[in-house]
Amino acid sequence: MSSFSVSGNFVDILHEKIYPATIKVENGKIISIQPNNQLTNKPLNYILPGFIDSHVHIESSMLVPSQFARLAVVHGTVATVSDPHEIANVCGMAGVEFMIENGKTVPFKFNFGAPSCVPATSFETAGAVLDSTDVEHLLQREEIKYLSEMMNFPGVLFKDEEVMRKIAAAHRLGKPVDGHAPGLRGKQAKKYIDAGIYTDHECFTSEEALDKLRYGMKIIIREGSAAKNFEALIGLLNDWPDKMMFCSDDKHPDSLVLGHINQLCARAVAKGINIFKILKAACVNPVEHYKLDVGLLREGYPADFIIVKDLVKFEVVKTYINGELVAENGKSLIRTQESGVINNFTCSKRNVEDFAVVWNGEKEIPAIEALDGQLITNKLFFEPKVVDGKIVSDTDRDILKIVVVNRYSDAPVAKAFIKNFGLKQGALASSVAHDSHNIVAVGVDDDSICRAVNKVIEKKGGVSVATNYQSPDGKLSMQAESVVALAVAGLMSNEDGYIVAEAYTEIDREAKELGSTLAAPFMTLSFMALLVIPHLKLSDKGLFDGDRFELIN
């Protein structure tokens, strides 16, 4: 590997200094950092460690790891702490192996965890099971850096044997344990943390985060395509700079094209937060917490660093990983790699009648209330709209039908109702449906829902839009479907990441043309089957009360 030097304003986060310097790199490592007073009167870029996404499901980008890396390096991201939980729920151990091996094909530092909750609950149908023996097997691998988010927080609180075995295995092997405990406060939060769980990325109020910080937990500020907690939590960075990190958790491809952790740094600067505190969260704390093999711009460390125009907008000029230039001036230098396909998709196409909800005289029925920018939902009750003995969507009140179709076998369709999707016509469907990744769909009429679902089934995975409406003169019935196919586990495309991002941008536009006012309608839809986030969700087995942790019908 060649030797080279770069000069600029060296951002020394450890000593909280910025000064002109020349950095020499040899064989992928930094061999010297020398102050350079000759640069003092020249306009200089800034050299700082690369950014790290401290908790992300690569699968949610709809890109395989090698394609995710191509897009991320443009924004100065050099590494991720990645939970392959999504593909594990579909394909089991083979899915985790796919992610590891695909990630190795590019110069990027993926740090995968051992999924702790596959399936996430017993109230849904997943494609695989990883028990404590499987998890320990994974944790013994060098590529596996930690135990991924322990979503089964009731299992921790009540000391479920299988849950505790997984945590114990991580402790025994000296690997950290990630948390997932939305809304947990007080004594319950302390009990969860005392079990040896060190982080949480699910806090949606500063009070909850502060509670957990005081008990010794580290808080990861999440700002993804659907869940957005930055505004609520960023103020805590002033007082807890050593205990906080940044993450996206779930980020769709169109959003990743626009920016990544660099955007959070810019927003934090705009809030008036000290630059060194920001960069600790973005660059340093993840490396130290997870013991990552990622350079921190110090002599003897891997040459993982970035050059930015300033410390305000963080526009990235160059990104280096192990001394290799992987992005320059907005262009990725990582070559597209061919990717294989792995999947688990065996259900048959459905009929319109499968989506009907028969009215049995109910005066009031429950509905999920989706909240834009949040994963949590509320539980509402409403008087159903009944037509010809069936309960149907009510666009006047924005209460639409939502369904979950088992993708692993032919089973009855689970049906319920949801508020705040805003559709005035048509339907959306997706095989990205956390955590078991059955098919979730929402729509105005059963025909549209059926066609959207069947489009996903036809492609063995994808996100789709179906329209079913009349022309303005009422004479012509118009129908159309669009789909972005996700051939890898029904979660990811193996195509060029920028092309996938364009296709997703188009189908997102189509969803909004149907009336949805959500910032990210498909991302929000994907979380409506996520049972481990309160308060009301829908699995393939029925409506689920996340507070009581039980099915309610």
Protein backbone atom coordinates (compact mmCIF):
# COMPACT_ATOMS: atom_id res chain seq x y z
CA MET A 1 0.00 0.00 0.00
CA SER A 2 1.34 3.41 -0.93
CA SER A 3 2.51 6.11 1.46
CA PHE A 4 1.10 9.63 1.34
CA SER A 5 0.65 12.79 3.37
CA VAL A 6 -2.28 15.13 3.89
CA SER A 7 -2.24 18.60 5.42
CA GLY A 8 -4.96 20.72 6.98
CA ASN A 9 -6.46 21.78 10.27
CA PHE A 10 -6.00 18.76 12.48
CA VAL A 11 -8.96 18.26 14.82
CA ASP A 12 -7.49 16.73 17.98
CA ILE A 13 -10.60 15.54 19.82
CA LEU A 14 -8.62 13.93 22.67
CA HIS A 15 -6.90 17.18 23.67
CA GLU A 16 -9.64 19.47 22.33
CA LYS A 17 -7.34 21.40 20.02
CA ILE A 18 -7.36 22.37 16.35
CA TYR A 19 -4.11 23.32 14.61
CA PRO A 20 -2.41 23.10 11.19
CA ALA A 21 -0.67 19.76 10.76
CA THR A 22 0.63 17.25 8.24
CA ILE A 23 -0.40 13.62 8.64
CA LYS A 24 1.71 10.86 7.14
CA VAL A 25 0.16 7.51 6.26
CA GLU A 26 2.04 4.31 5.48
CA ASN A 27 0.66 0.81 4.90
CA GLY A 28 -2.80 1.85 5.96
CA LYS A 29 -1.77 3.38 9.29
CA ILE A 30 -0.96 6.85 10.55
CA ILE A 31 2.75 7.00 11.26
CA SER A 32 3.03 10.66 12.26
CA ILE A 33 1.03 13.80 12.99
CA GLN A 34 3.24 16.87 12.89
CA PRO A 35 2.25 20.50 13.54
CA ASN A 36 2.95 22.56 10.44
CA ASN A 37 3.22 26.30 11.04
CA GLN A 38 3.89 26.90 7.35
CA LEU A 39 0.18 26.32 6.77
CA THR A 40 -0.95 28.95 9.27
CA ASN A 41 -1.91 31.69 6.81
CA LYS A 42 -3.51 29.44 4.20
CA PRO A 43 -7.18 28.46 3.86
CA LEU A 44 -7.35 24.90 5.10
CA ASN A 45 -9.80 22.05 5.20
CA TYR A 46 -10.30 20.11 8.44
CA ILE A 47 -9.05 16.59 9.12
CA LEU A 48 -11.00 14.52 11.64
CA PRO A 49 -11.83 10.88 12.41
CA GLY A 50 -14.48 9.25 10.27
CA PHE A 51 -18.10 9.12 11.41
CA ILE A 52 -19.69 5.99 12.86
CA ASP A 53 -23.36 5.02 12.84
CA SER A 54 -23.64 3.46 16.29
CA HIS A 55 -26.76 1.41 15.63
CA VAL A 56 -28.15 0.61 12.21
CA HIS A 57 -29.99 -2.17 10.45
CA ILE A 58 -28.29 -2.17 7.05
CA GLU A 59 -31.28 -4.06 5.67
CA SER A 60 -33.53 -1.02 6.19
CA SER A 61 -31.54 0.87 3.56
CA MET A 62 -32.92 -1.73 1.11
CA LEU A 63 -29.29 -2.20 0.04
CA VAL A 64 -26.90 -5.06 0.63
CA PRO A 65 -23.90 -4.05 2.80
CA SER A 66 -21.54 -3.45 -0.11
CA GLN A 67 -24.01 -0.99 -1.67
CA PHE A 68 -24.75 0.70 1.66
CA ALA A 69 -21.01 1.34 2.01
CA ARG A 70 -20.83 2.95 -1.45
CA LEU A 71 -23.39 5.55 -0.42
CA ALA A 72 -22.29 6.07 3.20
CA VAL A 73 -18.62 6.87 2.55
CA VAL A 74 -19.60 9.93 0.51
CA HIS A 75 -20.86 11.45 3.77
CA GLY A 76 -17.76 10.57 5.78
CA THR A 77 -19.06 7.40 7.41
CA VAL A 78 -16.26 4.85 7.78
CA ALA A 79 -17.92 2.28 10.02
CA THR A 80 -21.23 1.04 11.38
CA VAL A 81 -22.37 -0.93 14.39
CA SER A 82 -24.83 -3.11 12.51
CA ASP A 83 -27.54 -5.38 13.84
CA PRO A 84 -28.40 -8.05 11.19
CA HIS A 85 -31.59 -8.76 13.10
CA GLU A 86 -33.85 -8.17 10.10
CA ILE A 87 -32.35 -10.76 7.78
CA ALA A 88 -31.90 -13.15 10.71
CA ASN A 89 -35.67 -13.12 11.25
CA VAL A 90 -36.12 -14.15 7.63
CA CYS A 91 -33.17 -16.47 6.92
CA GLY A 92 -31.63 -17.30 10.30
CA MET A 93 -27.91 -17.96 10.64
CA ALA A 94 -27.50 -18.07 6.86
CA GLY A 95 -28.76 -14.49 6.71
CA VAL A 96 -26.20 -13.26 9.24
CA GLU A 97 -23.48 -15.05 7.30
CA PHE A 98 -24.64 -13.36 4.09
CA MET A 99 -24.29 -9.91 5.68
CA ILE A 100 -20.82 -10.61 7.05
CA GLU A 101 -19.48 -12.01 3.80
CA ASN A 102 -21.02 -9.34 1.59
CA GLY A 103 -19.62 -6.65 3.87
CA LYS A 104 -16.12 -8.06 3.43
CA THR A 105 -16.20 -7.35 -0.32
CA VAL A 106 -15.69 -3.60 0.15
CA PRO A 107 -13.30 -1.31 2.06
CA PHE A 108 -15.68 -0.37 4.86
CA LYS A 109 -15.78 -1.30 8.54
CA PHE A 110 -19.00 -3.16 9.27
CA ASN A 111 -19.23 -4.33 12.87
CA PHE A 112 -22.04 -6.84 13.15
CA GLY A 113 -23.83 -8.00 16.29
CA ALA A 114 -25.42 -11.30 17.24
CA PRO A 115 -29.20 -10.85 16.98
CA SER A 116 -30.67 -11.41 20.43
CA CYS A 117 -34.37 -11.72 19.60
CA VAL A 118 -35.18 -13.96 16.65
CA PRO A 119 -38.11 -14.04 16.60
CA ALA A 120 -38.70 -10.80 18.48
CA THR A 121 -41.78 -12.23 20.23
CA SER A 122 -43.85 -15.40 20.28
CA PHE A 123 -46.86 -13.46 18.99
CA GLU A 124 -45.78 -13.41 15.34
CA THR A 125 -44.52 -15.78 12.67
CA ALA A 126 -40.88 -15.36 11.68
CA GLY A 127 -38.79 -17.29 9.19
CA ALA A 128 -36.22 -18.52 11.69
CA VAL A 129 -35.29 -19.00 15.34
CA LEU A 130 -31.93 -18.24 16.95
CA ASP A 131 -31.72 -19.76 20.42
CA SER A 132 -29.09 -19.06 23.08
CA THR A 133 -26.81 -21.75 21.65
CA ASP A 134 -26.93 -20.10 18.21
CA VAL A 135 -26.32 -16.69 19.75
CA GLU A 136 -23.31 -17.89 21.73
CA HIS A 137 -21.98 -19.50 18.57
CA LEU A 138 -22.15 -16.15 16.80
CA LEU A 139 -20.63 -14.25 19.72
CA GLN A 140 -17.57 -16.50 19.57
CA ARG A 141 -16.81 -15.21 16.06
CA GLU A 142 -14.30 -12.40 15.69
CA GLU A 143 -16.58 -10.57 13.24
CA ILE A 144 -19.36 -10.36 15.83
CA LYS A 145 -18.63 -7.44 18.14
CA TYR A 146 -21.61 -7.35 20.50
CA LEU A 147 -25.02 -8.77 21.45
CA SER A 148 -27.60 -6.84 19.45
CA GLU A 149 -30.49 -4.94 20.98
CA MET A 150 -32.28 -6.94 23.67
CA MET A 151 -35.83 -6.10 22.64
CA ASN A 152 -37.42 -8.61 24.95
CA PHE A 153 -37.24 -6.27 27.93
CA PRO A 154 -40.06 -8.13 29.74
CA GLY A 155 -37.88 -11.24 29.44
CA VAL A 156 -35.03 -9.34 31.11
CA LEU A 157 -37.23 -7.94 33.88
CA PHE A 158 -38.70 -11.37 34.65
CA LYS A 159 -35.36 -13.16 34.16
CA ASP A 160 -36.44 -15.48 31.36
CA GLU A 161 -33.87 -18.28 31.27
CA GLU A 162 -33.20 -18.15 27.54
CA VAL A 163 -32.86 -14.36 27.56
CA MET A 164 -30.48 -14.40 30.51
CA ARG A 165 -28.35 -17.11 28.86
CA LYS A 166 -27.82 -14.87 25.83
CA ILE A 167 -26.79 -11.93 28.01
CA ALA A 168 -24.52 -14.13 30.11
CA ALA A 169 -22.79 -15.47 26.99
CA ALA A 170 -21.96 -11.93 25.87
CA HIS A 171 -20.60 -11.01 29.29
CA ARG A 172 -18.54 -14.17 29.44
CA LEU A 173 -16.99 -13.39 26.06
CA GLY A 174 -16.34 -9.75 26.97
CA LYS A 175 -18.74 -8.30 24.42
CA PRO A 176 -21.16 -5.44 25.15
CA VAL A 177 -24.92 -5.84 25.16
CA ASP A 178 -27.18 -3.37 23.36
CA GLY A 179 -30.53 -2.40 24.79
CA HIS A 180 -34.01 -1.65 23.51
CA ALA A 181 -36.39 -0.48 26.21
CA PRO A 182 -38.77 2.23 24.94
CA GLY A 183 -40.50 4.10 27.74
CA LEU A 184 -38.86 2.12 30.54
CA ARG A 185 -38.30 4.37 33.56
CA GLY A 186 -37.43 4.26 37.25
CA LYS A 187 -36.94 0.95 39.02
CA GLN A 188 -37.75 -1.07 35.91
CA ALA A 189 -35.13 0.80 33.89
CA LYS A 190 -32.57 0.23 36.66
CA LYS A 191 -33.38 -3.48 36.78
CA TYR A 192 -32.97 -3.73 33.00
CA ILE A 193 -29.63 -1.88 33.10
CA ASP A 194 -28.40 -3.87 36.11
CA ALA A 195 -28.76 -7.02 33.99
CA GLY A 196 -25.70 -5.76 32.13
CA ILE A 197 -27.31 -3.91 29.25
CA TYR A 198 -25.27 -0.86 28.33
CA THR A 199 -27.01 1.22 25.65
CA ASP A 200 -30.44 2.32 24.48
CA HIS A 201 -31.45 3.99 21.23
CA GLU A 202 -35.21 3.98 21.86
CA CYS A 203 -35.60 7.02 24.14
CA PHE A 204 -38.14 9.47 22.78
CA THR A 205 -38.11 12.01 25.63
CA SER A 206 -35.20 13.71 27.37
CA GLU A 207 -36.66 12.70 30.75
CA GLU A 208 -36.51 9.01 29.83
CA ALA A 209 -32.96 9.34 28.48
CA LEU A 210 -31.80 11.24 31.56
CA ASP A 211 -33.29 8.56 33.79
CA LYS A 212 -31.22 5.91 32.02
CA LEU A 213 -28.06 8.03 31.90
CA ARG A 214 -28.17 8.45 35.66
CA TYR A 215 -28.39 4.70 36.07
CA GLY A 216 -25.20 4.31 34.03
CA MET A 217 -26.57 3.57 30.57
CA LYS A 218 -25.23 5.15 27.38
CA ILE A 219 -27.79 6.80 25.14
CA ILE A 220 -27.67 6.66 21.35
CA ILE A 221 -29.48 9.58 19.72
CA ARG A 222 -31.49 8.22 16.82
CA GLU A 223 -32.49 10.11 13.70
CA GLY A 224 -33.66 7.76 10.99
CA SER A 225 -36.12 7.89 8.12
CA ALA A 226 -39.09 7.28 10.43
CA ALA A 227 -38.00 7.55 14.07
CA LYS A 228 -36.63 11.01 14.81
CA ASN A 229 -35.46 11.69 18.37
CA PHE A 230 -32.65 14.19 17.74
CA GLU A 231 -34.59 17.29 18.78
CA ALA A 232 -35.81 15.68 22.00
CA LEU A 233 -32.40 14.37 23.11
CA ILE A 234 -29.59 16.51 21.68
CA GLY A 235 -29.57 18.94 24.62
CA LEU A 236 -28.32 16.14 26.88
CA LEU A 237 -25.03 16.04 24.97
CA ASN A 238 -23.92 19.21 26.75
CA ASP A 239 -23.74 17.44 30.12
CA TRP A 240 -23.13 13.82 29.05
CA PRO A 241 -20.57 13.97 26.19
CA ASP A 242 -18.88 10.71 27.19
CA LYS A 243 -22.15 8.78 27.39
CA MET A 244 -23.80 9.55 24.06
CA MET A 245 -23.56 8.47 20.42
CA PHE A 246 -25.43 9.02 17.15
CA CYS A 247 -27.31 6.50 15.03
CA SER A 248 -29.85 6.20 12.23
CA ASP A 249 -31.28 2.78 13.21
CA ASP A 250 -33.33 2.53 10.00
CA LYS A 251 -32.52 4.69 6.99
CA HIS A 252 -34.07 4.35 3.55
CA PRO A 253 -31.89 4.69 0.42
CA ASP A 254 -33.22 8.07 -0.69
CA SER A 255 -32.34 9.49 2.71
CA LEU A 256 -28.88 7.89 2.70
CA VAL A 257 -28.09 9.54 -0.63
CA LEU A 258 -28.66 12.93 1.00
CA GLY A 259 -26.61 12.45 4.15
CA HIS A 260 -25.80 10.42 7.22
CA ILE A 261 -24.13 11.12 10.58
CA ASN A 262 -22.61 14.28 9.09
CA GLN A 263 -26.09 15.80 9.08
CA LEU A 264 -26.49 15.24 12.81
CA CYS A 265 -23.14 16.90 13.47
CA ALA A 266 -24.23 19.95 11.47
CA ARG A 267 -27.53 20.15 13.32
CA ALA A 268 -25.77 19.86 16.68
CA VAL A 269 -23.40 22.69 15.76
CA ALA A 270 -26.42 24.82 14.84
CA LYS A 271 -27.72 24.19 18.37
CA GLY A 272 -24.56 25.76 19.78
CA ILE A 273 -23.11 22.54 21.20
CA ASN A 274 -19.34 22.37 21.67
CA ILE A 275 -17.68 20.82 18.60
CA PHE A 276 -15.55 18.42 20.61
CA LYS A 277 -18.60 17.05 22.43
CA ILE A 278 -20.29 16.51 19.08
CA LEU A 279 -17.31 14.71 17.59
CA LYS A 280 -16.96 12.52 20.67
CA ALA A 281 -20.48 11.25 20.03
CA ALA A 282 -20.00 10.93 16.28
CA CYS A 283 -16.49 9.48 16.12
CA VAL A 284 -14.88 8.50 19.42
CA ASN A 285 -17.44 7.05 21.82
CA PRO A 286 -18.56 4.22 19.49
CA VAL A 287 -14.97 3.06 18.98
CA GLU A 288 -14.25 3.01 22.68
CA HIS A 289 -17.56 1.47 23.75
CA TYR A 290 -17.63 -1.35 21.18
CA LYS A 291 -13.83 -1.75 21.00
CA LEU A 292 -13.85 -1.26 17.26
CA ASP A 293 -10.84 -1.57 15.00
CA VAL A 294 -11.45 1.94 13.69
CA GLY A 295 -8.83 4.68 13.69
CA LEU A 296 -9.21 7.78 15.86
CA LEU A 297 -6.68 9.96 14.03
CA ARG A 298 -3.80 9.03 16.32
CA GLU A 299 -0.32 7.74 15.54
CA GLY A 300 -0.23 3.98 15.10
CA TYR A 301 -3.98 3.78 14.44
CA PRO A 302 -5.63 2.72 11.16
CA ALA A 303 -5.86 5.62 8.71
CA ASP A 304 -9.65 6.00 8.92
CA PHE A 305 -10.29 9.71 8.60
CA ILE A 306 -12.11 12.35 6.62
CA ILE A 307 -11.40 15.80 5.26
CA VAL A 308 -14.23 18.33 5.47
CA LYS A 309 -14.55 21.90 4.25
CA ASP A 310 -15.58 23.25 7.65
CA LEU A 311 -16.91 22.28 11.06
CA VAL A 312 -20.32 23.80 10.42
CA LYS A 313 -21.87 21.96 7.48
CA PHE A 314 -19.38 19.05 7.42
CA GLU A 315 -19.29 18.85 3.64
CA VAL A 316 -16.96 15.93 3.00
CA VAL A 317 -14.07 16.40 0.58
CA LYS A 318 -12.36 13.02 1.05
CA THR A 319 -12.93 9.81 3.02
CA TYR A 320 -10.11 7.38 3.79
CA ILE A 321 -10.48 3.86 5.22
CA ASN A 322 -7.28 1.99 6.09
CA GLY A 323 -5.45 4.61 4.08
CA GLU A 324 -7.52 3.97 0.95
CA LEU A 325 -9.34 6.88 -0.64
CA VAL A 326 -12.95 5.64 -0.85
CA ALA A 327 -14.83 8.88 -1.62
CA GLU A 328 -13.92 12.26 -3.06
CA ASN A 329 -15.98 15.40 -3.68
CA GLY A 330 -19.34 13.68 -3.44
CA LYS A 331 -18.38 10.65 -5.51
CA SER A 332 -18.00 7.14 -4.14
CA LEU A 333 -14.84 5.32 -5.26
CA ILE A 334 -16.07 1.95 -4.00
CA ARG A 335 -16.80 -0.25 -6.97
CA THR A 336 -20.13 -2.06 -7.31
CA GLN A 337 -19.74 -5.70 -6.31
CA GLU A 338 -21.93 -8.52 -7.57
CA SER A 339 -24.14 -9.90 -4.85
CA GLY A 340 -25.88 -13.24 -4.58
CA VAL A 341 -29.49 -13.67 -3.43
CA ILE A 342 -30.84 -15.35 -0.30
CA ASN A 343 -34.55 -15.47 0.48
CA ASN A 344 -37.40 -17.17 2.36
CA PHE A 345 -40.72 -16.37 0.69
CA THR A 346 -43.25 -19.15 0.20
CA CYS A 347 -46.81 -17.79 0.41
CA SER A 348 -49.33 -17.83 -2.46
CA LYS A 349 -51.15 -14.89 -3.99
CA ARG A 350 -54.33 -13.79 -2.23
CA ASN A 351 -57.92 -13.11 -3.27
CA VAL A 352 -59.84 -9.91 -2.62
CA GLU A 353 -62.20 -11.79 -0.29
CA ASP A 354 -59.27 -12.58 2.03
CA PHE A 355 -59.17 -8.94 3.12
CA ALA A 356 -62.83 -8.46 4.05
CA VAL A 357 -63.73 -7.62 7.67
CA VAL A 358 -67.19 -8.92 8.56
CA TRP A 359 -69.22 -6.69 10.87
CA ASN A 360 -70.55 -8.56 13.90
CA GLY A 361 -72.53 -5.71 15.37
CA GLU A 362 -69.60 -3.99 17.09
CA LYS A 363 -70.39 -0.46 18.25
CA GLU A 364 -66.73 0.38 18.77
CA ILE A 365 -63.48 -1.20 17.62
CA PRO A 366 -59.79 -0.43 18.27
CA ALA A 367 -57.53 1.36 15.82
CA ILE A 368 -53.79 1.99 15.68
CA GLU A 369 -52.82 5.67 15.64
CA ALA A 370 -49.60 6.10 13.67
CA LEU A 371 -47.41 9.03 14.76
CA ASP A 372 -45.22 10.70 12.15
CA GLY A 373 -41.56 10.57 13.20
CA GLN A 374 -42.11 8.01 15.95
CA LEU A 375 -42.18 4.22 16.24
CA ILE A 376 -44.62 4.25 19.12
CA THR A 377 -48.32 4.26 18.31
CA ASN A 378 -51.45 5.09 20.26
CA LYS A 379 -54.57 3.00 20.79
CA LEU A 380 -57.83 4.61 19.66
CA PHE A 381 -61.44 3.41 19.56
CA PHE A 382 -63.90 4.38 16.86
CA GLU A 383 -67.36 3.60 15.57
CA PRO A 384 -66.86 1.43 12.48
CA LYS A 385 -68.07 2.37 9.02
CA VAL A 386 -70.19 -0.53 7.74
CA VAL A 387 -71.09 -1.17 4.09
CA ASP A 388 -72.99 -4.30 3.03
CA GLY A 389 -72.27 -6.02 6.35
CA LYS A 390 -68.54 -5.35 6.23
CA ILE A 391 -66.34 -2.88 8.08
CA VAL A 392 -64.49 -0.73 5.55
CA SER A 393 -61.99 2.12 5.43
CA ASP A 394 -63.29 5.58 6.20
CA THR A 395 -61.25 8.20 4.32
CA ASP A 396 -63.33 11.06 5.78
CA ARG A 397 -62.00 10.21 9.25
CA ASP A 398 -58.65 8.93 7.90
CA ILE A 399 -59.24 5.45 9.34
CA LEU A 400 -57.96 2.87 6.88
CA LYS A 401 -57.70 -0.88 6.78
CA ILE A 402 -54.32 -2.39 7.65
CA VAL A 403 -53.44 -6.05 7.07
CA VAL A 404 -50.55 -8.41 7.71
CA VAL A 405 -50.08 -11.43 5.45
CA ASN A 406 -47.86 -14.33 6.55
CA ARG A 407 -45.09 -14.64 3.94
CA TYR A 408 -43.79 -17.99 5.21
CA SER A 409 -46.98 -20.03 4.72
CA ASP A 410 -50.57 -19.68 3.54
CA ALA A 411 -52.44 -18.54 6.62
CA PRO A 412 -55.46 -16.32 7.37
CA VAL A 413 -54.88 -12.59 6.86
CA ALA A 414 -54.71 -10.47 10.02
CA LYS A 415 -56.84 -7.33 9.68
CA ALA A 416 -57.31 -4.14 11.68
CA PHE A 417 -57.63 -0.37 11.22
CA ILE A 418 -55.20 2.51 11.42
CA LYS A 419 -55.37 6.30 11.56
CA ASN A 420 -53.04 8.98 10.10
CA PHE A 421 -51.86 7.38 6.86
CA GLY A 422 -53.96 9.89 4.94
CA LEU A 423 -54.54 7.83 1.78
CA LYS A 424 -57.51 8.96 -0.28
CA GLN A 425 -57.21 6.11 -2.79
CA GLY A 426 -55.23 2.94 -3.43
CA ALA A 427 -52.94 0.98 -1.14
CA LEU A 428 -49.32 0.49 -0.05
CA ALA A 429 -47.69 -2.85 0.74
CA SER A 430 -44.27 -3.94 1.94
CA SER A 431 -42.37 -7.10 2.85
CA VAL A 432 -40.18 -4.90 5.05
CA ALA A 433 -42.28 -5.25 8.21
CA HIS A 434 -40.33 -5.32 11.43
CA ASP A 435 -39.47 -7.64 12.93
CA SER A 436 -40.69 -10.83 11.28
CA HIS A 437 -41.03 -9.24 7.84
CA ASN A 438 -44.37 -10.60 6.82
CA ILE A 439 -46.27 -8.47 4.31
CA VAL A 440 -47.92 -5.37 5.76
CA ALA A 441 -50.34 -3.26 3.75
CA VAL A 442 -52.65 -0.31 4.27
CA GLY A 443 -55.32 0.86 1.88
CA VAL A 444 -58.63 2.44 1.04
CA ASP A 445 -60.30 -0.59 -0.57
CA ASP A 446 -59.82 -4.36 -0.59
CA ASP A 447 -59.11 -4.58 -4.31
CA SER A 448 -56.20 -2.13 -4.05
CA ILE A 449 -54.86 -3.84 -0.94
CA CYS A 450 -55.03 -7.23 -2.67
CA ARG A 451 -53.21 -6.01 -5.77
CA ALA A 452 -50.50 -4.27 -3.74
CA VAL A 453 -49.94 -7.41 -1.66
CA ASN A 454 -49.89 -9.68 -4.69
CA LYS A 455 -47.32 -7.47 -6.41
CA VAL A 456 -45.01 -8.01 -3.44
CA ILE A 457 -45.68 -11.75 -3.50
CA GLU A 458 -45.04 -11.89 -7.25
CA LYS A 459 -41.57 -10.35 -6.75
CA LYS A 460 -40.91 -12.40 -3.59
CA GLY A 461 -40.34 -9.18 -1.72
CA GLY A 462 -40.58 -5.46 -2.27
CA VAL A 463 -42.55 -2.30 -1.63
CA SER A 464 -45.54 -1.57 -3.82
CA VAL A 465 -48.26 0.95 -4.61
CA ALA A 466 -51.63 0.06 -6.13
CA THR A 467 -54.23 2.54 -7.28
CA ASN A 468 -57.89 1.84 -7.89
CA TYR A 469 -59.99 4.92 -8.65
CA GLN A 470 -62.33 6.46 -11.19
CA SER A 471 -61.56 9.18 -13.68
CA PRO A 472 -63.01 12.64 -12.89
CA ASP A 473 -66.01 12.02 -15.14
CA GLY A 474 -66.76 8.78 -13.31
CA LYS A 475 -66.72 6.71 -16.51
CA LEU A 476 -63.34 4.98 -16.41
CA SER A 477 -61.99 2.80 -13.62
CA MET A 478 -58.25 3.29 -13.47
CA GLN A 479 -55.83 0.74 -12.01
CA ALA A 480 -52.06 0.71 -11.72
CA GLU A 481 -49.33 -0.90 -9.66
CA SER A 482 -45.70 0.00 -9.02
CA VAL A 483 -43.10 -2.02 -7.17
CA VAL A 484 -39.47 -1.80 -6.07
CA ALA A 485 -38.35 -5.42 -5.94
CA LEU A 486 -36.24 -6.56 -2.97
CA ALA A 487 -34.84 -9.91 -4.06
CA VAL A 488 -32.51 -10.40 -1.07
CA ALA A 489 -34.64 -11.76 1.78
CA GLY A 490 -37.50 -9.53 0.66
CA LEU A 491 -35.58 -6.75 2.41
CA MET A 492 -32.80 -5.60 0.11
CA SER A 493 -32.03 -5.11 -3.54
CA ASN A 494 -28.74 -6.37 -4.96
CA GLU A 495 -28.77 -3.63 -7.59
CA ASP A 496 -26.70 -0.42 -7.69
CA GLY A 497 -27.51 1.64 -4.60
CA TYR A 498 -28.04 4.91 -6.44
CA ILE A 499 -30.47 3.27 -8.87
CA VAL A 500 -32.39 1.73 -5.95
CA ALA A 501 -32.52 5.14 -4.27
CA GLU A 502 -34.02 6.68 -7.43
CA ALA A 503 -36.62 3.93 -7.70
CA TYR A 504 -37.53 4.32 -4.05
CA THR A 505 -37.81 8.10 -4.40
CA GLU A 506 -40.30 7.57 -7.23
CA ILE A 507 -42.49 5.07 -5.37
CA ASP A 508 -42.41 7.27 -2.26
CA ARG A 509 -43.69 10.11 -4.45
CA GLU A 510 -46.48 7.88 -5.75
CA ALA A 511 -47.49 6.96 -2.19
CA LYS A 512 -47.75 10.63 -1.29
CA GLU A 513 -49.78 11.34 -4.42
CA LEU A 514 -52.35 8.89 -3.05
CA GLY A 515 -52.77 11.28 -0.15
CA SER A 516 -50.29 10.20 2.50
CA THR A 517 -48.93 13.14 4.46
CA LEU A 518 -46.37 11.06 6.37
CA ALA A 519 -42.73 12.04 5.88
CA ALA A 520 -41.79 8.42 5.09
CA PRO A 521 -44.98 6.39 4.49
CA PHE A 522 -43.24 3.09 3.70
CA MET A 523 -40.88 3.37 6.66
CA THR A 524 -43.80 4.15 8.97
CA LEU A 525 -45.76 1.23 7.50
CA SER A 526 -42.83 -1.11 8.15
CA PHE A 527 -43.07 -0.45 11.89
CA MET A 528 -46.80 -1.05 12.28
CA ALA A 529 -46.07 -4.74 12.86
CA LEU A 530 -43.25 -4.06 15.37
CA LEU A 531 -44.72 -5.58 18.51
CA VAL A 532 -41.88 -4.61 20.85
CA ILE A 533 -42.74 -0.91 20.54
CA PRO A 534 -45.93 0.18 22.35
CA HIS A 535 -48.81 0.72 22.29
CA LEU A 536 -50.87 -1.07 19.62
CA LYS A 537 -49.53 -3.01 16.62
CA LEU A 538 -50.65 -5.74 14.21
CA SER A 539 -48.87 -9.05 13.65
CA ASP A 540 -49.85 -11.88 11.33
CA LYS A 541 -51.63 -13.38 14.36
CA GLY A 542 -53.71 -10.30 15.20
CA LEU A 543 -53.79 -7.02 17.11
CA PHE A 544 -51.20 -6.80 19.85
CA ASP A 545 -51.23 -4.70 23.02
CA GLY A 546 -47.63 -3.65 23.60
CA ASP A 547 -48.29 -2.50 27.17
CA ARG A 548 -49.85 -5.76 28.32
CA PHE A 549 -47.66 -7.74 25.90
CA GLU A 550 -50.51 -9.88 24.62
CA LEU A 551 -52.77 -10.36 21.62
CA ILE A 552 -56.15 -8.71 22.06
CA ASN A 553 -58.18 -10.57 19.45
